[in-house]
Amino acid sequence: MSTFIQKLDQVEAEVRSNRQLMANLEARLAKLELASRSQTNGNEVKKEKSASQLKKEAKQKEKDEKFRAKQEKLKAAKAQTKESKPKNEEKKDVKEPQAVLYTSKTNPGEKKDTKCQLPDAYSPRYVEAAWYEWWEKMGFFKPEIAEKYFPLSTGEQREKFVMAMPPPNVTGTLHLGHALMCSIEDVLTRWHRMLGHETLWCPGFDREIYCFPDQIKYEIKPNLL
């Protein structure tokens, strides 16, 4: 039993000595690593740039110099224009285009004379003058006008096309939809009239009257009181 205890003490002593050796080795390795790091940081060698890198840097430098010179020229030009421009520069009189009127003598209800000289620019007052009275006199707004220009053969019945036109809405936002819809209705009515149908596009009624009382309340009623 005593021999076993002696051997166990020897093994424990060897383990302790081995641990001490390992600790000493780790400390020396750490010192060597620190020394090598300090040496590499102190004697850091710069890498030489390749030919392509040097060429690229030279091109970039040339571009920067050109851009700088261009900016200086622009600054000089702006300063020169400011100096040459008078302080109290008179504003040029801009003449507003005058409306061209239709001056030919055309009696109400007669066809417009289109042989006169046309204006250089479009003028609505010139173009629209005298036409409406002639249209009314010729009966172009009547559904029966188709019988005059599109005669039917014996036994043939004329087709009819009737559409109610809603009035303008009180609010401007809702009226935009009516204006778009009326444009489409106008095209449809003209198309059926050109087909020779007996067409009528008459003012009708608004199917949605919910916003009208509120608009009367806030806009029209205060002015009547």
C-alpha atoms as a PDB file:
ATOM      1  CA  MET A   1       0.000   0.000   0.000  1.00  0.00           C
ATOM      2  CA  SER A   2       2.880   2.355   0.802  1.00  0.00           C
ATOM      3  CA  THR A   3       4.462   1.757  -2.620  1.00  0.00           C
ATOM      4  CA  PHE A   4       1.187   2.698  -4.357  1.00  0.00           C
ATOM      5  CA  ILE A   5       0.996   5.962  -2.434  1.00  0.00           C
ATOM      6  CA  GLN A   6       4.570   6.784  -3.330  1.00  0.00           C
ATOM      7  CA  LYS A   7       3.924   6.189  -7.028  1.00  0.00           C
ATOM      8  CA  LEU A   8       0.781   8.375  -6.849  1.00  0.00           C
ATOM      9  CA  ASP A   9       2.805  11.177  -5.291  1.00  0.00           C
ATOM     10  CA  GLN A  10       5.384  10.896  -8.066  1.00  0.00           C
ATOM     11  CA  VAL A  11       2.659  11.091 -10.775  1.00  0.00           C
ATOM     12  CA  GLU A  12       1.160  14.176  -9.139  1.00  0.00           C
ATOM     13  CA  ALA A  13       4.591  15.819  -8.964  1.00  0.00           C
ATOM     14  CA  GLU A  14       5.207  15.106 -12.668  1.00  0.00           C
ATOM     15  CA  VAL A  15       1.799  16.582 -13.582  1.00  0.00           C
ATOM     16  CA  ARG A  16       2.590  19.740 -11.638  1.00  0.00           C
ATOM     17  CA  SER A  17       5.976  20.089 -13.298  1.00  0.00           C
ATOM     18  CA  ASN A  18       4.441  19.539 -16.750  1.00  0.00           C
ATOM     19  CA  ARG A  19       1.829  22.234 -16.053  1.00  0.00           C
ATOM     20  CA  GLN A  20       4.542  24.644 -15.022  1.00  0.00           C
ATOM     21  CA  LEU A  21       6.460  23.916 -18.217  1.00  0.00           C
ATOM     22  CA  MET A  22       3.324  24.527 -20.329  1.00  0.00           C
ATOM     23  CA  ALA A  23       2.717  27.857 -18.598  1.00  0.00           C
ATOM     24  CA  ASN A  24       6.329  28.917 -19.211  1.00  0.00           C
ATOM     25  CA  LEU A  25       6.049  27.943 -22.914  1.00  0.00           C
ATOM     26  CA  GLU A  26       2.796  29.883 -23.366  1.00  0.00           C
ATOM     27  CA  ALA A  27       4.330  32.992 -21.771  1.00  0.00           C
ATOM     28  CA  ARG A  28       7.381  32.784 -24.087  1.00  0.00           C
ATOM     29  CA  LEU A  29       5.154  32.319 -27.163  1.00  0.00           C
ATOM     30  CA  ALA A  30       3.101  35.359 -26.205  1.00  0.00           C
ATOM     31  CA  LYS A  31       6.274  37.467 -25.846  1.00  0.00           C
ATOM     32  CA  LEU A  32       7.565  36.290 -29.222  1.00  0.00           C
ATOM     33  CA  GLU A  33       4.246  37.113 -30.911  1.00  0.00           C
ATOM     34  CA  LEU A  34       4.222  40.640 -29.460  1.00  0.00           C
ATOM     35  CA  ALA A  35       7.819  41.194 -30.561  1.00  0.00           C
ATOM     36  CA  SER A  36       7.081  40.026 -34.131  1.00  0.00           C
ATOM     37  CA  ARG A  37       3.992  42.295 -34.351  1.00  0.00           C
ATOM     38  CA  SER A  38       5.905  45.357 -33.198  1.00  0.00           C
ATOM     39  CA  GLN A  39       8.683  44.596 -35.676  1.00  0.00           C
ATOM     40  CA  THR A  40       6.275  44.269 -38.631  1.00  0.00           C
ATOM     41  CA  ASN A  41       4.450  47.498 -37.654  1.00  0.00           C
ATOM     42  CA  GLY A  42       7.680  49.428 -37.330  1.00  0.00           C
ATOM     43  CA  ASN A  43       9.188  48.153 -40.552  1.00  0.00           C
ATOM     44  CA  GLU A  44       6.043  48.172 -42.719  1.00  0.00           C
ATOM     45  CA  VAL A  45       6.959  47.923 -46.356  1.00  0.00           C
ATOM     46  CA  LYS A  46       4.778  49.816 -48.880  1.00  0.00           C
ATOM     47  CA  LYS A  47       3.600  47.858 -51.890  1.00  0.00           C
ATOM     48  CA  GLU A  48       4.471  49.281 -55.269  1.00  0.00           C
ATOM     49  CA  LYS A  49       1.534  50.244 -57.525  1.00  0.00           C
ATOM     50  CA  SER A  50       1.092  48.483 -60.818  1.00  0.00           C
ATOM     51  CA  ALA A  51       1.283  50.234 -64.194  1.00  0.00           C
ATOM     52  CA  SER A  52      -2.482  50.030 -64.733  1.00  0.00           C
ATOM     53  CA  GLN A  53      -3.156  51.654 -61.362  1.00  0.00           C
ATOM     54  CA  LEU A  54      -0.723  54.482 -62.076  1.00  0.00           C
ATOM     55  CA  LYS A  55      -2.320  55.029 -65.507  1.00  0.00           C
ATOM     56  CA  LYS A  56      -5.790  55.125 -63.972  1.00  0.00           C
ATOM     57  CA  GLU A  57      -4.746  57.663 -61.339  1.00  0.00           C
ATOM     58  CA  ALA A  58      -3.144  59.875 -64.002  1.00  0.00           C
ATOM     59  CA  LYS A  59      -6.368  59.872 -66.068  1.00  0.00           C
ATOM     60  CA  GLN A  60      -8.467  60.740 -63.019  1.00  0.00           C
ATOM     61  CA  LYS A  61      -6.105  63.572 -62.145  1.00  0.00           C
ATOM     62  CA  GLU A  62      -6.351  64.942 -65.686  1.00  0.00           C
ATOM     63  CA  LYS A  63     -10.163  64.829 -65.540  1.00  0.00           C
ATOM     64  CA  ASP A  64     -10.201  66.656 -62.212  1.00  0.00           C
ATOM     65  CA  GLU A  65      -7.978  69.416 -63.606  1.00  0.00           C
ATOM     66  CA  LYS A  66     -10.199  69.845 -66.683  1.00  0.00           C
ATOM     67  CA  PHE A  67     -13.353  70.021 -64.530  1.00  0.00           C
ATOM     68  CA  ARG A  68     -11.729  72.591 -62.239  1.00  0.00           C
ATOM     69  CA  ALA A  69     -10.708  74.733 -65.219  1.00  0.00           C
ATOM     70  CA  LYS A  70     -14.233  74.537 -66.680  1.00  0.00           C
ATOM     71  CA  GLN A  71     -15.776  75.656 -63.394  1.00  0.00           C
ATOM     72  CA  GLU A  72     -13.415  78.620 -63.197  1.00  0.00           C
ATOM     73  CA  LYS A  73     -14.341  79.674 -66.757  1.00  0.00           C
ATOM     74  CA  LEU A  74     -18.048  79.529 -65.910  1.00  0.00           C
ATOM     75  CA  LYS A  75     -17.551  81.645 -62.808  1.00  0.00           C
ATOM     76  CA  ALA A  76     -15.592  84.215 -64.801  1.00  0.00           C
ATOM     77  CA  ALA A  77     -18.281  84.334 -67.526  1.00  0.00           C
ATOM     78  CA  LYS A  78     -21.054  84.837 -64.954  1.00  0.00           C
ATOM     79  CA  ALA A  79     -19.139  87.639 -63.266  1.00  0.00           C
ATOM     80  CA  GLN A  80     -18.551  89.334 -66.629  1.00  0.00           C
ATOM     81  CA  THR A  81     -22.248  89.175 -67.602  1.00  0.00           C
ATOM     82  CA  LYS A  82     -23.272  90.630 -64.246  1.00  0.00           C
ATOM     83  CA  GLU A  83     -20.888  93.553 -64.702  1.00  0.00           C
ATOM     84  CA  SER A  84     -21.954  94.255 -68.296  1.00  0.00           C
ATOM     85  CA  LYS A  85     -25.698  94.017 -67.543  1.00  0.00           C
ATOM     86  CA  PRO A  86     -27.213  97.380 -66.577  1.00  0.00           C
ATOM     87  CA  LYS A  87     -28.790  97.620 -63.163  1.00  0.00           C
ATOM     88  CA  ASN A  88     -32.019  99.299 -64.270  1.00  0.00           C
ATOM     89  CA  GLU A  89     -32.822  97.274 -67.341  1.00  0.00           C
ATOM     90  CA  GLU A  90     -36.049  98.364 -68.939  1.00  0.00           C
ATOM     91  CA  LYS A  91     -38.629  95.665 -69.451  1.00  0.00           C
ATOM     92  CA  LYS A  92     -39.667  95.112 -73.011  1.00  0.00           C
ATOM     93  CA  ASP A  93     -43.297  95.829 -73.728  1.00  0.00           C
ATOM     94  CA  VAL A  94     -44.973  92.528 -74.499  1.00  0.00           C
ATOM     95  CA  LYS A  95     -47.937  93.078 -76.719  1.00  0.00           C
ATOM     96  CA  GLU A  96     -50.848  90.802 -76.016  1.00  0.00           C
ATOM     97  CA  PRO A  97     -52.408  89.231 -79.091  1.00  0.00           C
ATOM     98  CA  GLN A  98     -55.558  91.057 -80.072  1.00  0.00           C
ATOM     99  CA  ALA A  99     -58.719  89.145 -80.876  1.00  0.00           C
ATOM    100  CA  VAL A 100     -59.555  89.223 -84.575  1.00  0.00           C
ATOM    101  CA  LEU A 101     -63.231  89.934 -85.275  1.00  0.00           C
ATOM    102  CA  TYR A 102     -65.359  88.933 -88.247  1.00  0.00           C
ATOM    103  CA  THR A 103     -66.106  92.183 -90.108  1.00  0.00           C
ATOM    104  CA  SER A 104     -67.712  90.929 -93.337  1.00  0.00           C
ATOM    105  CA  LYS A 105     -71.308  92.020 -93.856  1.00  0.00           C
ATOM    106  CA  THR A 106     -73.440  88.933 -93.264  1.00  0.00           C
ATOM    107  CA  ASN A 107     -77.109  89.382 -92.406  1.00  0.00           C
ATOM    108  CA  PRO A 108     -78.443  87.317 -89.470  1.00  0.00           C
ATOM    109  CA  GLY A 109     -79.582  83.937 -90.737  1.00  0.00           C
ATOM    110  CA  GLU A 110     -77.495  84.048 -93.918  1.00  0.00           C
ATOM    111  CA  LYS A 111     -74.599  81.704 -94.559  1.00  0.00           C
ATOM    112  CA  LYS A 112     -71.249  83.051 -93.468  1.00  0.00           C
ATOM    113  CA  ASP A 113     -68.964  84.449 -96.144  1.00  0.00           C
ATOM    114  CA  THR A 114     -65.796  82.335 -96.065  1.00  0.00           C
ATOM    115  CA  LYS A 115     -64.090  83.943 -99.073  1.00  0.00           C
ATOM    116  CA  CYS A 116     -62.577  86.752 -97.008  1.00  0.00           C
ATOM    117  CA  GLN A 117     -58.992  86.782 -95.781  1.00  0.00           C
ATOM    118  CA  LEU A 118     -58.417  84.476 -92.814  1.00  0.00           C
ATOM    119  CA  PRO A 119     -56.518  85.762 -89.745  1.00  0.00           C
ATOM    120  CA  ASP A 120     -52.917  84.701 -89.177  1.00  0.00           C
ATOM    121  CA  ALA A 121     -53.730  83.079 -85.823  1.00  0.00           C
ATOM    122  CA  TYR A 122     -56.807  81.199 -84.664  1.00  0.00           C
ATOM    123  CA  SER A 123     -59.482  83.491 -83.269  1.00  0.00           C
ATOM    124  CA  PRO A 124     -62.612  81.847 -81.778  1.00  0.00           C
ATOM    125  CA  ARG A 125     -64.678  85.030 -82.131  1.00  0.00           C
ATOM    126  CA  TYR A 126     -63.823  85.196 -85.838  1.00  0.00           C
ATOM    127  CA  VAL A 127     -64.527  81.506 -86.515  1.00  0.00           C
ATOM    128  CA  GLU A 128     -67.782  81.195 -84.537  1.00  0.00           C
ATOM    129  CA  ALA A 129     -69.404  84.400 -85.767  1.00  0.00           C
ATOM    130  CA  ALA A 130     -72.617  84.196 -87.869  1.00  0.00           C
ATOM    131  CA  TRP A 131     -72.785  80.390 -87.931  1.00  0.00           C
ATOM    132  CA  TYR A 132     -75.326  79.763 -85.170  1.00  0.00           C
ATOM    133  CA  GLU A 133     -78.074  81.959 -86.697  1.00  0.00           C
ATOM    134  CA  TRP A 134     -77.699  80.183 -90.028  1.00  0.00           C
ATOM    135  CA  TRP A 135     -77.880  76.752 -88.345  1.00  0.00           C
ATOM    136  CA  GLU A 136     -81.134  77.763 -86.628  1.00  0.00           C
ATOM    137  CA  LYS A 137     -82.632  79.117 -89.855  1.00  0.00           C
ATOM    138  CA  MET A 138     -81.770  75.924 -91.744  1.00  0.00           C
ATOM    139  CA  GLY A 139     -83.326  73.785 -88.997  1.00  0.00           C
ATOM    140  CA  PHE A 140     -80.199  71.800 -88.240  1.00  0.00           C
ATOM    141  CA  PHE A 141     -81.232  71.448 -84.578  1.00  0.00           C
ATOM    142  CA  LYS A 142     -84.599  69.856 -85.400  1.00  0.00           C
ATOM    143  CA  PRO A 143     -84.982  66.088 -85.495  1.00  0.00           C
ATOM    144  CA  GLU A 144     -86.942  66.341 -88.782  1.00  0.00           C
ATOM    145  CA  ILE A 145     -83.850  67.653 -90.632  1.00  0.00           C
ATOM    146  CA  ALA A 146     -83.056  64.059 -91.629  1.00  0.00           C
ATOM    147  CA  GLU A 147     -86.056  64.029 -93.993  1.00  0.00           C
ATOM    148  CA  LYS A 148     -84.465  66.828 -96.016  1.00  0.00           C
ATOM    149  CA  TYR A 149     -80.987  65.369 -96.444  1.00  0.00           C
ATOM    150  CA  PHE A 150     -81.670  61.612 -96.090  1.00  0.00           C
ATOM    151  CA  PRO A 151     -84.832  60.751 -98.061  1.00  0.00           C
ATOM    152  CA  LEU A 152     -86.251  57.264 -97.525  1.00  0.00           C
ATOM    153  CA  SER A 153     -87.550  54.863-100.092  1.00  0.00           C
ATOM    154  CA  THR A 154     -91.225  53.882-100.105  1.00  0.00           C
ATOM    155  CA  GLY A 155     -92.207  51.708 -97.163  1.00  0.00           C
ATOM    156  CA  GLU A 156     -88.989  52.317 -95.232  1.00  0.00           C
ATOM    157  CA  GLN A 157     -89.219  53.606 -91.667  1.00  0.00           C
ATOM    158  CA  ARG A 158     -86.719  56.064 -90.226  1.00  0.00           C
ATOM    159  CA  GLU A 159     -84.867  55.062 -87.095  1.00  0.00           C
ATOM    160  CA  LYS A 160     -85.062  57.347 -84.063  1.00  0.00           C
ATOM    161  CA  PHE A 161     -82.343  58.203 -81.542  1.00  0.00           C
ATOM    162  CA  VAL A 162     -83.321  60.213 -78.459  1.00  0.00           C
ATOM    163  CA  MET A 163     -81.107  60.999 -75.470  1.00  0.00           C
ATOM    164  CA  ALA A 164     -81.664  63.224 -72.408  1.00  0.00           C
ATOM    165  CA  MET A 165     -78.853  65.591 -71.535  1.00  0.00           C
ATOM    166  CA  PRO A 166     -78.297  66.234 -67.787  1.00  0.00           C
ATOM    167  CA  PRO A 167     -77.949  69.881 -66.743  1.00  0.00           C
ATOM    168  CA  PRO A 168     -74.670  71.283 -65.397  1.00  0.00           C
ATOM    169  CA  ASN A 169     -74.087  70.278 -61.791  1.00  0.00           C
ATOM    170  CA  VAL A 170     -74.002  72.884 -59.036  1.00  0.00           C
ATOM    171  CA  THR A 171     -70.584  71.845 -57.736  1.00  0.00           C
ATOM    172  CA  GLY A 172     -67.605  72.171 -60.043  1.00  0.00           C
ATOM    173  CA  THR A 173     -66.113  68.808 -59.062  1.00  0.00           C
ATOM    174  CA  LEU A 174     -69.210  66.832 -60.022  1.00  0.00           C
ATOM    175  CA  HIS A 175     -69.686  68.936 -63.142  1.00  0.00           C
ATOM    176  CA  LEU A 176     -66.395  67.592 -64.532  1.00  0.00           C
ATOM    177  CA  GLY A 177     -68.014  64.185 -64.908  1.00  0.00           C
ATOM    178  CA  HIS A 178     -71.042  65.701 -66.628  1.00  0.00           C
ATOM    179  CA  ALA A 179     -68.813  67.650 -69.029  1.00  0.00           C
ATOM    180  CA  LEU A 180     -66.974  64.474 -70.028  1.00  0.00           C
ATOM    181  CA  MET A 181     -70.223  62.531 -70.395  1.00  0.00           C
ATOM    182  CA  CYS A 182     -71.847  65.300 -72.472  1.00  0.00           C
ATOM    183  CA  SER A 183     -68.881  65.257 -74.864  1.00  0.00           C
ATOM    184  CA  ILE A 184     -69.469  61.547 -75.490  1.00  0.00           C
ATOM    185  CA  GLU A 185     -73.206  62.120 -75.897  1.00  0.00           C
ATOM    186  CA  ASP A 186     -72.529  64.899 -78.399  1.00  0.00           C
ATOM    187  CA  VAL A 187     -70.381  62.559 -80.510  1.00  0.00           C
ATOM    188  CA  LEU A 188     -73.064  59.831 -80.419  1.00  0.00           C
ATOM    189  CA  THR A 189     -75.816  62.267 -81.435  1.00  0.00           C
ATOM    190  CA  ARG A 190     -73.822  63.617 -84.362  1.00  0.00           C
ATOM    191  CA  TRP A 191     -72.987  60.081 -85.484  1.00  0.00           C
ATOM    192  CA  HIS A 192     -76.645  59.009 -85.548  1.00  0.00           C
ATOM    193  CA  ARG A 193     -77.600  62.200 -87.366  1.00  0.00           C
ATOM    194  CA  MET A 194     -75.010  61.474 -90.067  1.00  0.00           C
ATOM    195  CA  LEU A 195     -76.525  57.998 -90.403  1.00  0.00           C
ATOM    196  CA  GLY A 196     -79.853  59.618 -91.320  1.00  0.00           C
ATOM    197  CA  HIS A 197     -81.664  58.822 -88.074  1.00  0.00           C
ATOM    198  CA  GLU A 198     -84.200  61.167 -86.523  1.00  0.00           C
ATOM    199  CA  THR A 199     -82.104  62.329 -83.573  1.00  0.00           C
ATOM    200  CA  LEU A 200     -82.968  64.427 -80.544  1.00  0.00           C
ATOM    201  CA  TRP A 201     -80.560  65.394 -77.765  1.00  0.00           C
ATOM    202  CA  CYS A 202     -82.672  67.381 -75.347  1.00  0.00           C
ATOM    203  CA  PRO A 203     -82.085  68.793 -71.862  1.00  0.00           C
ATOM    204  CA  GLY A 204     -83.240  66.325 -69.240  1.00  0.00           C
ATOM    205  CA  PHE A 205     -82.986  66.103 -65.453  1.00  0.00           C
ATOM    206  CA  ASP A 206     -80.277  65.313 -62.928  1.00  0.00           C
ATOM    207  CA  ARG A 207     -80.627  61.869 -61.377  1.00  0.00           C
ATOM    208  CA  GLU A 208     -78.590  62.869 -58.295  1.00  0.00           C
ATOM    209  CA  ILE A 209     -79.936  65.958 -56.554  1.00  0.00           C
ATOM    210  CA  TYR A 210     -78.475  65.298 -53.094  1.00  0.00           C
ATOM    211  CA  CYS A 211     -75.809  68.064 -53.265  1.00  0.00           C
ATOM    212  CA  PHE A 212     -78.125  70.783 -54.622  1.00  0.00           C
ATOM    213  CA  PRO A 213     -79.836  71.786 -51.316  1.00  0.00           C
ATOM    214  CA  ASP A 214     -76.504  72.114 -49.508  1.00  0.00           C
ATOM    215  CA  GLN A 215     -75.109  74.311 -52.250  1.00  0.00           C
ATOM    216  CA  ILE A 216     -78.204  76.520 -52.132  1.00  0.00           C
ATOM    217  CA  LYS A 217     -77.896  76.731 -48.351  1.00  0.00           C
ATOM    218  CA  TYR A 218     -74.247  77.854 -48.318  1.00  0.00           C
ATOM    219  CA  GLU A 219     -74.051  80.039 -51.440  1.00  0.00           C
ATOM    220  CA  ILE A 220     -77.368  81.274 -52.755  1.00  0.00           C
ATOM    221  CA  LYS A 221     -79.538  81.654 -49.638  1.00  0.00           C
ATOM    222  CA  PRO A 222     -77.228  84.132 -47.770  1.00  0.00           C
ATOM    223  CA  ASN A 223     -77.285  86.481 -50.765  1.00  0.00           C
ATOM    224  CA  LEU A 224     -81.101  86.523 -50.803  1.00  0.00           C
ATOM    225  CA  LEU A 225     -81.451  87.415 -47.124  1.00  0.00           C
END
